[in-house]
């Protein structure tokens, strides 16, 4: 991760253990731990099926990533641009088909703008008393263990500043919003013991907000 702001501290996760979400391009160290990681990941779902929500108690990330790449995060208030490498986006088991289609068209480098969370919080969330796991379109995780530090740094920065990320999608009247799991009800704040980042599309599709 590159950070142009000297005043920004790098937050590390506490003593908790994180499950790693491995990509196809892994180091030899990553591969040696892969089998154990996949056992812990057994709650995930193998591929997209719009009927999965009928049998799953809570939303789960599909194991096959719909997107992989990096984040560029711009803050026009802090005058910073940060790079976060080695991330992946997994479609929620409760997301509609339009979400997977949109996720697969995301660029390899997503150029986010950091904003106050309240400025982009969907009004539909307010009307129903807050989001639930039904509202998660994408789960975002580090693709390999060496990128967990950067991932945690971004996540805790957003939590500390009550901020969110937003990016308009080219060629459509749609934007992708990124929040932290602490914005969800307590039941959904952790996946396999860890906080996480999740996204929702806002636009003109029936299942967008």
N, C-alpha and C. Protein backbone atom coordinates (compact mmCIF):
# COMPACT_ATOMS: atom_id res chain seq x y z
N UNK A 1 0.83 -1.19 0.00
CA UNK A 1 0.00 0.00 0.00
C UNK A 1 0.86 1.24 0.00
N UNK A 2 0.52 2.23 -0.81
CA UNK A 2 1.22 3.48 -0.82
C UNK A 2 0.34 4.52 -0.18
N UNK A 3 0.89 5.33 0.71
CA UNK A 3 0.11 6.33 1.42
C UNK A 3 0.84 7.65 1.32
N UNK A 4 0.22 8.64 0.67
CA UNK A 4 0.89 9.90 0.50
C UNK A 4 0.72 10.82 1.70
N UNK A 5 -0.05 10.42 2.70
CA UNK A 5 -0.26 11.24 3.88
C UNK A 5 0.57 10.72 5.02
N UNK A 6 1.61 11.51 5.43
CA UNK A 6 2.50 11.06 6.49
C UNK A 6 1.78 10.96 7.82
N UNK A 7 0.68 11.74 7.98
CA UNK A 7 0.00 11.76 9.28
C UNK A 7 -0.92 10.58 9.49
N UNK A 8 -1.18 9.85 8.42
CA UNK A 8 -2.09 8.71 8.55
C UNK A 8 -1.37 7.54 9.22
N UNK A 9 -1.96 7.04 10.29
CA UNK A 9 -1.36 5.89 10.95
C UNK A 9 -1.85 4.62 10.28
N UNK A 10 -1.02 3.60 10.33
CA UNK A 10 -1.38 2.31 9.77
C UNK A 10 -1.92 1.43 10.88
N UNK A 11 -3.21 1.11 10.79
CA UNK A 11 -3.84 0.30 11.81
C UNK A 11 -3.70 -1.16 11.45
N UNK A 12 -3.37 -1.97 12.43
CA UNK A 12 -3.31 -3.41 12.23
C UNK A 12 -4.43 -4.06 12.99
N UNK A 13 -4.87 -5.21 12.52
CA UNK A 13 -5.91 -5.95 13.23
C UNK A 13 -5.38 -6.35 14.58
N UNK A 14 -6.27 -6.49 15.54
CA UNK A 14 -5.89 -6.92 16.87
C UNK A 14 -5.50 -8.38 16.83
N UNK A 15 -5.50 -9.04 17.96
CA UNK A 15 -4.97 -10.40 18.02
C UNK A 15 -5.88 -11.43 17.37
N UNK A 16 -6.99 -10.98 16.76
CA UNK A 16 -7.89 -11.93 16.13
C UNK A 16 -7.24 -12.55 14.91
N UNK A 17 -7.70 -13.76 14.55
CA UNK A 17 -7.21 -14.44 13.35
C UNK A 17 -8.16 -14.16 12.21
N UNK A 18 -7.62 -13.98 11.02
CA UNK A 18 -8.44 -13.73 9.84
C UNK A 18 -8.34 -14.91 8.89
N UNK A 19 -9.49 -15.29 8.33
CA UNK A 19 -9.48 -16.26 7.26
C UNK A 19 -9.00 -15.57 5.99
N UNK A 20 -8.13 -16.18 5.24
CA UNK A 20 -7.62 -15.60 4.01
C UNK A 20 -8.45 -16.10 2.84
N UNK A 21 -8.58 -15.24 1.83
CA UNK A 21 -9.38 -15.57 0.67
C UNK A 21 -8.42 -15.58 -0.52
N UNK A 22 -7.98 -16.76 -0.94
CA UNK A 22 -6.87 -16.90 -1.86
C UNK A 22 -7.30 -16.77 -3.30
N UNK A 23 -6.46 -16.12 -4.09
CA UNK A 23 -6.68 -16.04 -5.54
C UNK A 23 -5.99 -17.22 -6.21
N UNK A 24 -6.08 -17.27 -7.53
CA UNK A 24 -5.44 -18.35 -8.27
C UNK A 24 -3.92 -18.17 -8.30
N UNK A 25 -3.42 -16.93 -8.12
CA UNK A 25 -2.00 -16.67 -8.14
C UNK A 25 -1.52 -16.52 -6.71
N UNK A 26 -0.97 -17.60 -6.13
CA UNK A 26 -0.59 -17.61 -4.74
C UNK A 26 0.90 -17.87 -4.61
N UNK A 27 1.45 -17.36 -3.51
CA UNK A 27 2.84 -17.68 -3.21
C UNK A 27 2.90 -19.10 -2.67
N UNK A 28 4.12 -19.65 -2.56
CA UNK A 28 4.27 -21.01 -2.03
C UNK A 28 3.82 -21.08 -0.59
N UNK A 29 4.03 -20.00 0.18
CA UNK A 29 3.57 -19.98 1.57
C UNK A 29 2.06 -20.02 1.63
N UNK A 30 1.41 -19.22 0.74
CA UNK A 30 -0.05 -19.22 0.71
C UNK A 30 -0.59 -20.60 0.38
N UNK A 31 0.05 -21.28 -0.58
CA UNK A 31 -0.44 -22.59 -1.01
C UNK A 31 -0.36 -23.60 0.12
N UNK A 32 0.64 -23.47 0.98
CA UNK A 32 0.81 -24.45 2.05
C UNK A 32 -0.30 -24.36 3.07
N UNK A 33 -0.97 -23.18 3.13
CA UNK A 33 -2.06 -23.00 4.10
C UNK A 33 -3.42 -23.06 3.43
N UNK A 34 -3.44 -23.33 2.14
CA UNK A 34 -4.69 -23.21 1.38
C UNK A 34 -5.74 -24.21 1.83
N UNK A 35 -5.35 -25.47 2.02
CA UNK A 35 -6.33 -26.49 2.39
C UNK A 35 -7.01 -26.16 3.71
N UNK A 36 -6.20 -25.71 4.69
CA UNK A 36 -6.79 -25.36 5.98
C UNK A 36 -7.73 -24.19 5.84
N UNK A 37 -7.36 -23.20 5.03
CA UNK A 37 -8.21 -22.04 4.84
C UNK A 37 -9.53 -22.43 4.19
N UNK A 38 -9.47 -23.33 3.22
CA UNK A 38 -10.70 -23.72 2.54
C UNK A 38 -11.63 -24.47 3.47
N UNK A 39 -11.10 -25.21 4.43
CA UNK A 39 -11.96 -25.87 5.40
C UNK A 39 -12.73 -24.84 6.21
N UNK A 40 -12.04 -23.77 6.62
CA UNK A 40 -12.71 -22.73 7.39
C UNK A 40 -13.72 -21.99 6.53
N UNK A 41 -13.54 -22.04 5.22
CA UNK A 41 -14.40 -21.33 4.29
C UNK A 41 -15.58 -22.18 3.83
N UNK A 42 -15.82 -23.28 4.48
CA UNK A 42 -16.83 -24.23 4.01
C UNK A 42 -18.23 -23.65 4.02
N UNK A 43 -18.44 -22.53 4.74
CA UNK A 43 -19.76 -21.91 4.76
C UNK A 43 -20.09 -21.20 3.46
N UNK A 44 -19.07 -20.95 2.62
CA UNK A 44 -19.29 -20.26 1.37
C UNK A 44 -20.04 -21.11 0.38
N UNK A 45 -20.46 -20.47 -0.72
CA UNK A 45 -21.25 -21.15 -1.75
C UNK A 45 -20.43 -21.20 -3.02
N UNK A 46 -20.51 -22.30 -3.74
CA UNK A 46 -19.61 -22.53 -4.85
C UNK A 46 -19.81 -21.65 -6.06
N UNK A 47 -21.02 -21.34 -6.47
CA UNK A 47 -21.22 -20.56 -7.68
C UNK A 47 -22.57 -19.85 -7.59
N UNK A 48 -22.81 -18.99 -8.57
CA UNK A 48 -24.02 -18.17 -8.52
C UNK A 48 -25.27 -19.02 -8.76
N UNK A 49 -26.23 -18.80 -7.94
CA UNK A 49 -27.54 -19.43 -8.09
C UNK A 49 -28.56 -18.49 -7.46
N UNK A 50 -29.45 -17.88 -8.25
CA UNK A 50 -30.39 -16.90 -7.69
C UNK A 50 -31.35 -17.49 -6.68
N UNK A 51 -31.42 -18.81 -6.56
CA UNK A 51 -32.31 -19.43 -5.59
C UNK A 51 -31.63 -19.78 -4.28
N UNK A 52 -30.31 -19.46 -4.14
CA UNK A 52 -29.60 -19.83 -2.93
C UNK A 52 -30.18 -19.18 -1.69
N UNK A 53 -30.76 -17.96 -1.84
CA UNK A 53 -31.26 -17.26 -0.66
C UNK A 53 -32.40 -18.02 0.01
N UNK A 54 -33.00 -18.97 -0.69
CA UNK A 54 -34.12 -19.73 -0.13
C UNK A 54 -33.65 -20.79 0.87
N UNK A 55 -32.36 -21.17 0.75
CA UNK A 55 -31.88 -22.22 1.63
C UNK A 55 -30.80 -21.74 2.60
N UNK A 56 -30.19 -20.57 2.35
CA UNK A 56 -29.15 -20.05 3.22
C UNK A 56 -29.78 -19.19 4.31
N UNK A 57 -29.34 -19.38 5.54
CA UNK A 57 -29.88 -18.58 6.64
C UNK A 57 -29.45 -17.13 6.50
N UNK A 58 -28.19 -16.90 6.18
CA UNK A 58 -27.68 -15.56 5.99
C UNK A 58 -26.93 -15.48 4.66
N UNK A 59 -26.72 -14.24 4.18
CA UNK A 59 -25.98 -14.06 2.94
C UNK A 59 -24.55 -14.57 3.09
N UNK A 60 -24.04 -15.21 2.06
CA UNK A 60 -22.68 -15.73 2.03
C UNK A 60 -21.98 -15.24 0.76
N UNK A 61 -20.67 -15.01 0.81
CA UNK A 61 -19.95 -14.68 -0.43
C UNK A 61 -19.73 -15.93 -1.27
N UNK A 62 -19.97 -15.82 -2.56
CA UNK A 62 -19.66 -16.93 -3.44
C UNK A 62 -18.14 -17.09 -3.51
N UNK A 63 -17.67 -18.32 -3.50
CA UNK A 63 -16.24 -18.57 -3.44
C UNK A 63 -15.53 -18.05 -4.69
N UNK A 64 -16.12 -18.22 -5.85
CA UNK A 64 -15.50 -17.74 -7.08
C UNK A 64 -15.65 -16.22 -7.16
N UNK A 65 -14.54 -15.51 -7.16
CA UNK A 65 -14.57 -14.05 -7.18
C UNK A 65 -15.09 -13.54 -8.52
N UNK A 66 -15.95 -12.54 -8.47
CA UNK A 66 -16.45 -11.90 -9.68
C UNK A 66 -15.53 -10.77 -10.14
N UNK A 67 -14.69 -10.29 -9.21
CA UNK A 67 -13.77 -9.20 -9.53
C UNK A 67 -12.48 -9.40 -8.75
N UNK A 68 -11.36 -8.98 -9.31
CA UNK A 68 -10.08 -8.98 -8.61
C UNK A 68 -9.26 -7.81 -9.11
N UNK A 69 -8.56 -7.14 -8.21
CA UNK A 69 -7.76 -5.99 -8.63
C UNK A 69 -7.31 -5.16 -7.44
N UNK A 70 -7.30 -3.86 -7.63
CA UNK A 70 -6.83 -2.96 -6.58
C UNK A 70 -7.74 -1.74 -6.47
N UNK A 71 -7.65 -1.07 -5.33
CA UNK A 71 -8.38 0.17 -5.09
C UNK A 71 -7.40 1.34 -5.14
N UNK A 72 -7.82 2.43 -5.76
CA UNK A 72 -7.22 3.74 -5.57
C UNK A 72 -8.24 4.58 -4.83
N UNK A 73 -7.86 5.11 -3.68
CA UNK A 73 -8.80 5.85 -2.84
C UNK A 73 -8.35 7.30 -2.75
N UNK A 74 -9.17 8.20 -3.30
CA UNK A 74 -8.87 9.63 -3.28
C UNK A 74 -9.67 10.30 -2.18
N UNK A 75 -9.02 11.18 -1.44
CA UNK A 75 -9.70 12.03 -0.46
C UNK A 75 -9.38 13.47 -0.80
N UNK A 76 -10.40 14.21 -1.23
CA UNK A 76 -10.18 15.60 -1.59
C UNK A 76 -10.20 16.51 -0.36
N UNK A 77 -10.58 15.96 0.78
CA UNK A 77 -10.50 16.70 2.04
C UNK A 77 -9.11 16.55 2.65
N UNK A 78 -8.59 15.33 2.62
CA UNK A 78 -7.27 15.06 3.20
C UNK A 78 -6.13 15.23 2.21
N UNK A 79 -6.47 15.44 0.93
CA UNK A 79 -5.47 15.60 -0.14
C UNK A 79 -4.54 14.38 -0.20
N UNK A 80 -5.15 13.21 -0.22
CA UNK A 80 -4.38 11.97 -0.28
C UNK A 80 -4.90 11.08 -1.40
N UNK A 81 -4.01 10.21 -1.87
CA UNK A 81 -4.38 9.14 -2.79
C UNK A 81 -3.68 7.89 -2.31
N UNK A 82 -4.43 6.88 -1.93
CA UNK A 82 -3.87 5.65 -1.40
C UNK A 82 -4.16 4.48 -2.34
N UNK A 83 -3.23 3.56 -2.40
CA UNK A 83 -3.37 2.38 -3.24
C UNK A 83 -3.46 1.13 -2.36
N UNK A 84 -4.43 0.29 -2.64
CA UNK A 84 -4.62 -0.95 -1.90
C UNK A 84 -4.65 -2.10 -2.90
N UNK A 85 -3.61 -2.92 -2.83
CA UNK A 85 -3.42 -3.98 -3.81
C UNK A 85 -4.05 -5.30 -3.33
N UNK A 86 -4.23 -6.22 -4.31
CA UNK A 86 -4.58 -7.60 -3.99
C UNK A 86 -5.92 -7.80 -3.33
N UNK A 87 -6.98 -7.24 -3.93
CA UNK A 87 -8.32 -7.38 -3.37
C UNK A 87 -9.20 -8.17 -4.32
N UNK A 88 -10.28 -8.69 -3.80
CA UNK A 88 -11.23 -9.46 -4.61
C UNK A 88 -12.64 -9.16 -4.15
N UNK A 89 -13.58 -9.23 -5.08
CA UNK A 89 -14.98 -9.01 -4.79
C UNK A 89 -15.79 -10.26 -5.08
N UNK A 90 -16.54 -10.71 -4.10
CA UNK A 90 -17.36 -11.92 -4.23
C UNK A 90 -18.83 -11.55 -4.14
N UNK A 91 -19.60 -12.00 -5.09
CA UNK A 91 -21.04 -11.71 -5.11
C UNK A 91 -21.72 -12.39 -3.93
N UNK A 92 -22.68 -11.70 -3.35
CA UNK A 92 -23.46 -12.29 -2.26
C UNK A 92 -24.40 -13.36 -2.80
N UNK A 93 -24.62 -14.37 -2.01
CA UNK A 93 -25.54 -15.44 -2.40
C UNK A 93 -26.97 -14.95 -2.55
N UNK A 94 -27.28 -13.77 -2.02
CA UNK A 94 -28.64 -13.24 -2.12
C UNK A 94 -28.76 -12.14 -3.18
N UNK A 95 -27.69 -11.87 -3.89
CA UNK A 95 -27.72 -10.82 -4.90
C UNK A 95 -28.42 -11.30 -6.16
N UNK A 96 -28.97 -10.36 -6.92
CA UNK A 96 -29.64 -10.72 -8.17
C UNK A 96 -28.62 -10.87 -9.29
N UNK A 97 -29.06 -11.39 -10.42
CA UNK A 97 -28.16 -11.64 -11.54
C UNK A 97 -27.52 -10.37 -12.06
N UNK A 98 -28.22 -9.23 -11.97
CA UNK A 98 -27.67 -7.97 -12.45
C UNK A 98 -26.43 -7.56 -11.66
N UNK A 99 -26.36 -7.95 -10.40
CA UNK A 99 -25.19 -7.62 -9.58
C UNK A 99 -23.96 -8.34 -10.09
N UNK A 100 -24.09 -9.62 -10.35
CA UNK A 100 -22.93 -10.36 -10.86
C UNK A 100 -22.47 -9.81 -12.20
N UNK A 101 -23.41 -9.48 -13.06
CA UNK A 101 -23.06 -8.92 -14.36
C UNK A 101 -22.30 -7.61 -14.20
N UNK A 102 -22.77 -6.75 -13.29
CA UNK A 102 -22.10 -5.47 -13.05
C UNK A 102 -20.73 -5.67 -12.43
N UNK A 103 -20.62 -6.62 -11.51
CA UNK A 103 -19.34 -6.88 -10.84
C UNK A 103 -18.28 -7.36 -11.81
N UNK A 104 -18.67 -8.18 -12.76
CA UNK A 104 -17.72 -8.72 -13.73
C UNK A 104 -17.23 -7.66 -14.71
N UNK A 105 -17.94 -6.53 -14.80
CA UNK A 105 -17.53 -5.45 -15.70
C UNK A 105 -16.72 -4.37 -14.97
N UNK A 106 -16.50 -4.53 -13.68
CA UNK A 106 -15.72 -3.53 -12.95
C UNK A 106 -14.28 -3.52 -13.45
N UNK A 107 -13.65 -2.35 -13.52
CA UNK A 107 -12.25 -2.30 -13.96
C UNK A 107 -11.32 -2.92 -12.94
N UNK A 108 -10.15 -3.34 -13.40
CA UNK A 108 -9.18 -3.95 -12.49
C UNK A 108 -8.72 -2.98 -11.41
N UNK A 109 -8.68 -1.70 -11.74
CA UNK A 109 -8.38 -0.66 -10.75
C UNK A 109 -9.63 0.18 -10.54
N UNK A 110 -10.19 0.11 -9.35
CA UNK A 110 -11.38 0.90 -9.02
C UNK A 110 -10.93 2.18 -8.34
N UNK A 111 -11.31 3.32 -8.92
CA UNK A 111 -10.89 4.63 -8.42
C UNK A 111 -12.01 5.22 -7.56
N UNK A 112 -11.86 5.05 -6.27
CA UNK A 112 -12.88 5.46 -5.31
C UNK A 112 -12.67 6.91 -4.85
N UNK A 113 -13.75 7.52 -4.41
CA UNK A 113 -13.68 8.79 -3.70
C UNK A 113 -14.16 8.56 -2.27
N UNK A 114 -13.37 8.99 -1.29
CA UNK A 114 -13.76 8.85 0.11
C UNK A 114 -14.66 10.02 0.49
N UNK A 115 -15.81 9.73 1.07
CA UNK A 115 -16.79 10.75 1.43
C UNK A 115 -17.38 10.42 2.80
N UNK A 116 -18.02 11.39 3.45
CA UNK A 116 -18.74 11.07 4.68
C UNK A 116 -19.83 10.03 4.40
N UNK A 117 -19.94 9.05 5.24
CA UNK A 117 -20.91 7.97 5.00
C UNK A 117 -22.32 8.51 4.86
N UNK A 118 -22.70 9.48 5.68
CA UNK A 118 -24.07 10.00 5.66
C UNK A 118 -24.42 10.63 4.32
N UNK A 119 -23.42 11.09 3.57
CA UNK A 119 -23.70 11.78 2.30
C UNK A 119 -24.11 10.81 1.19
N UNK A 120 -23.82 9.53 1.35
CA UNK A 120 -24.17 8.55 0.31
C UNK A 120 -25.03 7.40 0.86
N UNK A 121 -25.40 7.46 2.12
CA UNK A 121 -26.20 6.40 2.73
C UNK A 121 -27.56 6.32 2.03
N UNK A 122 -27.90 5.19 1.41
CA UNK A 122 -29.16 5.10 0.67
C UNK A 122 -30.37 5.39 1.54
N UNK A 123 -31.28 6.18 1.01
CA UNK A 123 -32.49 6.54 1.76
C UNK A 123 -33.35 5.31 2.05
N UNK A 124 -33.23 4.30 1.20
CA UNK A 124 -34.00 3.08 1.43
C UNK A 124 -33.56 2.41 2.73
N UNK A 125 -32.28 2.54 3.10
CA UNK A 125 -31.81 1.99 4.36
C UNK A 125 -32.49 2.69 5.53
N UNK A 126 -32.60 4.01 5.43
CA UNK A 126 -33.21 4.80 6.50
C UNK A 126 -34.69 4.45 6.66
N UNK A 127 -35.37 4.26 5.53
CA UNK A 127 -36.81 4.00 5.60
C UNK A 127 -37.13 2.68 6.29
N UNK A 128 -36.25 1.71 6.17
CA UNK A 128 -36.53 0.41 6.78
C UNK A 128 -35.75 0.17 8.06
N UNK A 129 -35.11 1.21 8.58
CA UNK A 129 -34.42 1.09 9.87
C UNK A 129 -33.01 0.58 9.78
N UNK A 130 -32.42 0.59 8.58
CA UNK A 130 -31.03 0.16 8.41
C UNK A 130 -30.92 -1.03 7.48
N UNK A 131 -29.71 -1.26 6.94
CA UNK A 131 -29.51 -2.38 6.02
C UNK A 131 -29.42 -3.72 6.75
N UNK A 132 -29.62 -4.78 6.02
CA UNK A 132 -29.40 -6.14 6.53
C UNK A 132 -28.51 -6.87 5.53
N UNK A 133 -28.29 -8.16 5.76
CA UNK A 133 -27.47 -8.92 4.82
C UNK A 133 -28.14 -9.04 3.46
N UNK A 134 -29.44 -8.84 3.38
CA UNK A 134 -30.12 -8.86 2.08
C UNK A 134 -29.63 -7.74 1.17
N UNK A 135 -29.08 -6.68 1.76
CA UNK A 135 -28.66 -5.52 0.99
C UNK A 135 -27.22 -5.62 0.49
N UNK A 136 -26.50 -6.63 0.90
CA UNK A 136 -25.12 -6.79 0.46
C UNK A 136 -25.10 -7.30 -0.99
N UNK A 137 -24.47 -6.54 -1.87
CA UNK A 137 -24.30 -6.99 -3.25
C UNK A 137 -22.97 -7.73 -3.41
N UNK A 138 -21.90 -7.13 -2.86
CA UNK A 138 -20.56 -7.70 -2.98
C UNK A 138 -19.86 -7.70 -1.64
N UNK A 139 -19.14 -8.77 -1.35
CA UNK A 139 -18.21 -8.83 -0.23
C UNK A 139 -16.82 -8.56 -0.80
N UNK A 140 -16.04 -7.70 -0.16
CA UNK A 140 -14.67 -7.46 -0.59
C UNK A 140 -13.71 -7.99 0.47
N UNK A 141 -12.70 -8.76 0.01
CA UNK A 141 -11.70 -9.37 0.90
C UNK A 141 -10.31 -9.20 0.29
N UNK A 142 -9.26 -9.35 1.11
CA UNK A 142 -7.91 -9.46 0.54
C UNK A 142 -7.77 -10.79 -0.18
N UNK A 143 -7.09 -10.80 -1.31
CA UNK A 143 -6.99 -12.02 -2.10
C UNK A 143 -5.94 -12.97 -1.55
N UNK A 144 -4.90 -12.43 -0.90
CA UNK A 144 -3.85 -13.25 -0.29
C UNK A 144 -3.46 -12.61 1.04
N UNK A 145 -2.82 -13.40 1.90
CA UNK A 145 -2.54 -12.95 3.26
C UNK A 145 -1.66 -11.70 3.31
N UNK A 146 -0.74 -11.54 2.37
CA UNK A 146 0.17 -10.40 2.44
C UNK A 146 -0.53 -9.06 2.23
N UNK A 147 -1.76 -9.08 1.74
CA UNK A 147 -2.51 -7.84 1.53
C UNK A 147 -3.50 -7.54 2.66
N UNK A 148 -3.50 -8.35 3.70
CA UNK A 148 -4.44 -8.14 4.79
C UNK A 148 -4.16 -6.84 5.55
N UNK A 149 -2.89 -6.47 5.71
CA UNK A 149 -2.55 -5.26 6.45
C UNK A 149 -3.13 -4.02 5.77
N UNK A 150 -2.98 -3.93 4.46
CA UNK A 150 -3.56 -2.80 3.73
C UNK A 150 -5.08 -2.79 3.79
N UNK A 151 -5.65 -3.97 3.66
CA UNK A 151 -7.11 -4.10 3.75
C UNK A 151 -7.62 -3.61 5.10
N UNK A 152 -6.97 -4.05 6.17
CA UNK A 152 -7.37 -3.63 7.52
C UNK A 152 -7.19 -2.13 7.71
N UNK A 153 -6.11 -1.59 7.15
CA UNK A 153 -5.86 -0.16 7.27
C UNK A 153 -6.99 0.65 6.65
N UNK A 154 -7.42 0.25 5.46
CA UNK A 154 -8.53 0.93 4.80
C UNK A 154 -9.81 0.79 5.61
N UNK A 155 -10.11 -0.41 6.03
CA UNK A 155 -11.36 -0.66 6.74
C UNK A 155 -11.45 0.14 8.04
N UNK A 156 -10.39 0.12 8.84
CA UNK A 156 -10.43 0.83 10.11
C UNK A 156 -10.37 2.34 9.94
N UNK A 157 -9.77 2.81 8.85
CA UNK A 157 -9.81 4.24 8.55
C UNK A 157 -11.24 4.68 8.26
N UNK A 158 -11.98 3.89 7.50
CA UNK A 158 -13.37 4.22 7.21
C UNK A 158 -14.23 4.17 8.47
N UNK A 159 -13.97 3.19 9.32
CA UNK A 159 -14.72 3.09 10.58
C UNK A 159 -14.45 4.30 11.46
N UNK A 160 -13.18 4.63 11.63
CA UNK A 160 -12.79 5.71 12.52
C UNK A 160 -13.37 7.06 12.08
N UNK A 161 -13.43 7.28 10.76
CA UNK A 161 -13.89 8.56 10.23
C UNK A 161 -15.35 8.54 9.82
N UNK A 162 -16.05 7.42 10.07
CA UNK A 162 -17.44 7.25 9.64
C UNK A 162 -17.57 7.65 8.17
N UNK A 163 -16.72 7.07 7.36
CA UNK A 163 -16.65 7.40 5.94
C UNK A 163 -17.09 6.21 5.09
N UNK A 164 -17.28 6.48 3.81
CA UNK A 164 -17.62 5.45 2.83
C UNK A 164 -16.88 5.77 1.54
N UNK A 165 -16.93 4.85 0.59
CA UNK A 165 -16.31 5.06 -0.71
C UNK A 165 -17.39 5.01 -1.79
N UNK A 166 -17.20 5.79 -2.84
CA UNK A 166 -18.15 5.81 -3.93
C UNK A 166 -17.41 5.93 -5.25
N UNK A 167 -17.95 5.27 -6.28
CA UNK A 167 -17.37 5.36 -7.62
C UNK A 167 -18.50 5.27 -8.63
N UNK A 168 -18.57 6.21 -9.60
CA UNK A 168 -19.55 6.08 -10.68
C UNK A 168 -19.07 5.04 -11.69
N UNK A 169 -20.00 4.31 -12.25
CA UNK A 169 -19.65 3.27 -13.21
C UNK A 169 -19.85 3.81 -14.63
N UNK A 170 -18.82 3.65 -15.44
CA UNK A 170 -18.85 4.19 -16.80
C UNK A 170 -19.96 3.56 -17.61
N UNK A 171 -20.60 4.39 -18.43
CA UNK A 171 -21.61 3.89 -19.36
C UNK A 171 -22.94 3.55 -18.74
N UNK A 172 -23.19 4.03 -17.51
CA UNK A 172 -24.48 3.74 -16.87
C UNK A 172 -24.79 4.82 -15.86
N UNK A 173 -26.04 4.82 -15.41
CA UNK A 173 -26.44 5.74 -14.36
C UNK A 173 -26.38 5.01 -13.02
N UNK A 174 -25.25 4.44 -12.76
CA UNK A 174 -25.09 3.60 -11.58
C UNK A 174 -23.80 3.98 -10.86
N UNK A 175 -23.81 3.86 -9.55
CA UNK A 175 -22.60 4.03 -8.76
C UNK A 175 -22.49 2.85 -7.79
N UNK A 176 -21.25 2.55 -7.44
CA UNK A 176 -20.98 1.51 -6.46
C UNK A 176 -20.57 2.18 -5.16
N UNK A 177 -21.22 1.80 -4.07
CA UNK A 177 -20.94 2.35 -2.75
C UNK A 177 -20.27 1.26 -1.91
N UNK A 178 -19.30 1.66 -1.10
CA UNK A 178 -18.59 0.71 -0.25
C UNK A 178 -18.70 1.15 1.20
N UNK A 179 -19.13 0.21 2.06
CA UNK A 179 -19.28 0.46 3.49
C UNK A 179 -18.53 -0.61 4.27
N UNK A 180 -18.41 -0.40 5.57
CA UNK A 180 -17.82 -1.41 6.44
C UNK A 180 -18.93 -2.20 7.12
N UNK A 181 -18.60 -3.38 7.57
CA UNK A 181 -19.62 -4.24 8.17
C UNK A 181 -20.13 -3.74 9.50
N UNK A 182 -19.45 -2.76 10.13
CA UNK A 182 -19.98 -2.22 11.38
C UNK A 182 -21.24 -1.41 11.14
N UNK A 183 -21.54 -1.09 9.87
CA UNK A 183 -22.77 -0.38 9.53
C UNK A 183 -23.96 -1.34 9.42
N UNK A 184 -23.72 -2.63 9.54
CA UNK A 184 -24.78 -3.64 9.51
C UNK A 184 -25.21 -3.98 10.92
N UNK A 185 -26.36 -4.61 11.09
CA UNK A 185 -26.75 -5.11 12.42
C UNK A 185 -25.70 -6.05 12.98
N UNK A 186 -25.63 -6.16 14.30
CA UNK A 186 -24.59 -6.94 14.97
C UNK A 186 -24.51 -8.37 14.45
N UNK A 187 -25.64 -8.94 14.07
CA UNK A 187 -25.66 -10.32 13.59
C UNK A 187 -24.83 -10.51 12.34
N UNK A 188 -24.63 -9.43 11.57
CA UNK A 188 -23.95 -9.55 10.27
C UNK A 188 -22.62 -8.80 10.22
N UNK A 189 -22.11 -8.33 11.34
CA UNK A 189 -20.90 -7.50 11.30
C UNK A 189 -19.63 -8.29 11.03
N UNK A 190 -19.64 -9.59 11.25
CA UNK A 190 -18.44 -10.39 11.05
C UNK A 190 -18.72 -11.58 10.14
N UNK A 191 -17.75 -11.87 9.28
CA UNK A 191 -17.80 -13.07 8.48
C UNK A 191 -16.62 -13.93 8.88
N UNK A 192 -16.90 -15.12 9.38
CA UNK A 192 -15.88 -16.04 9.89
C UNK A 192 -14.96 -15.33 10.88
N UNK A 193 -15.57 -14.53 11.75
CA UNK A 193 -14.85 -13.91 12.85
C UNK A 193 -14.24 -12.56 12.56
N UNK A 194 -14.29 -12.07 11.32
CA UNK A 194 -13.61 -10.83 10.95
C UNK A 194 -14.58 -9.79 10.39
N UNK A 195 -14.29 -8.53 10.67
CA UNK A 195 -14.99 -7.44 10.01
C UNK A 195 -14.63 -7.45 8.53
N UNK A 196 -15.45 -6.80 7.70
CA UNK A 196 -15.21 -6.86 6.26
C UNK A 196 -15.79 -5.62 5.58
N UNK A 197 -15.49 -5.49 4.31
CA UNK A 197 -16.03 -4.43 3.47
C UNK A 197 -17.11 -5.01 2.56
N UNK A 198 -18.16 -4.24 2.35
CA UNK A 198 -19.23 -4.71 1.47
C UNK A 198 -19.71 -3.56 0.58
N UNK A 199 -20.22 -3.94 -0.58
CA UNK A 199 -20.65 -2.94 -1.54
C UNK A 199 -22.09 -3.12 -1.95
N UNK A 200 -22.68 -2.01 -2.41
CA UNK A 200 -24.04 -2.03 -2.92
C UNK A 200 -24.09 -1.11 -4.13
N UNK A 201 -24.82 -1.52 -5.15
CA UNK A 201 -25.00 -0.69 -6.34
C UNK A 201 -26.21 0.22 -6.16
N UNK A 202 -26.07 1.45 -6.62
CA UNK A 202 -27.20 2.37 -6.59
C UNK A 202 -27.41 2.88 -8.01
N UNK A 203 -28.60 2.64 -8.56
CA UNK A 203 -28.86 3.04 -9.93
C UNK A 203 -30.24 2.67 -10.38
N UNK A 204 -30.37 2.42 -11.70
CA UNK A 204 -31.70 2.24 -12.29
C UNK A 204 -32.10 0.80 -12.50
N UNK A 205 -31.28 -0.16 -12.02
CA UNK A 205 -31.69 -1.57 -12.12
C UNK A 205 -32.68 -1.90 -11.00
N UNK A 206 -33.59 -2.87 -11.22
CA UNK A 206 -34.61 -3.19 -10.23
C UNK A 206 -34.04 -3.58 -8.87
N UNK A 207 -32.87 -4.25 -8.84
CA UNK A 207 -32.34 -4.70 -7.56
C UNK A 207 -31.26 -3.76 -7.02
N UNK A 208 -31.12 -2.55 -7.61
CA UNK A 208 -30.19 -1.57 -7.11
C UNK A 208 -30.92 -0.60 -6.17
N UNK A 209 -30.16 0.22 -5.46
CA UNK A 209 -30.75 1.13 -4.48
C UNK A 209 -30.68 2.56 -4.94
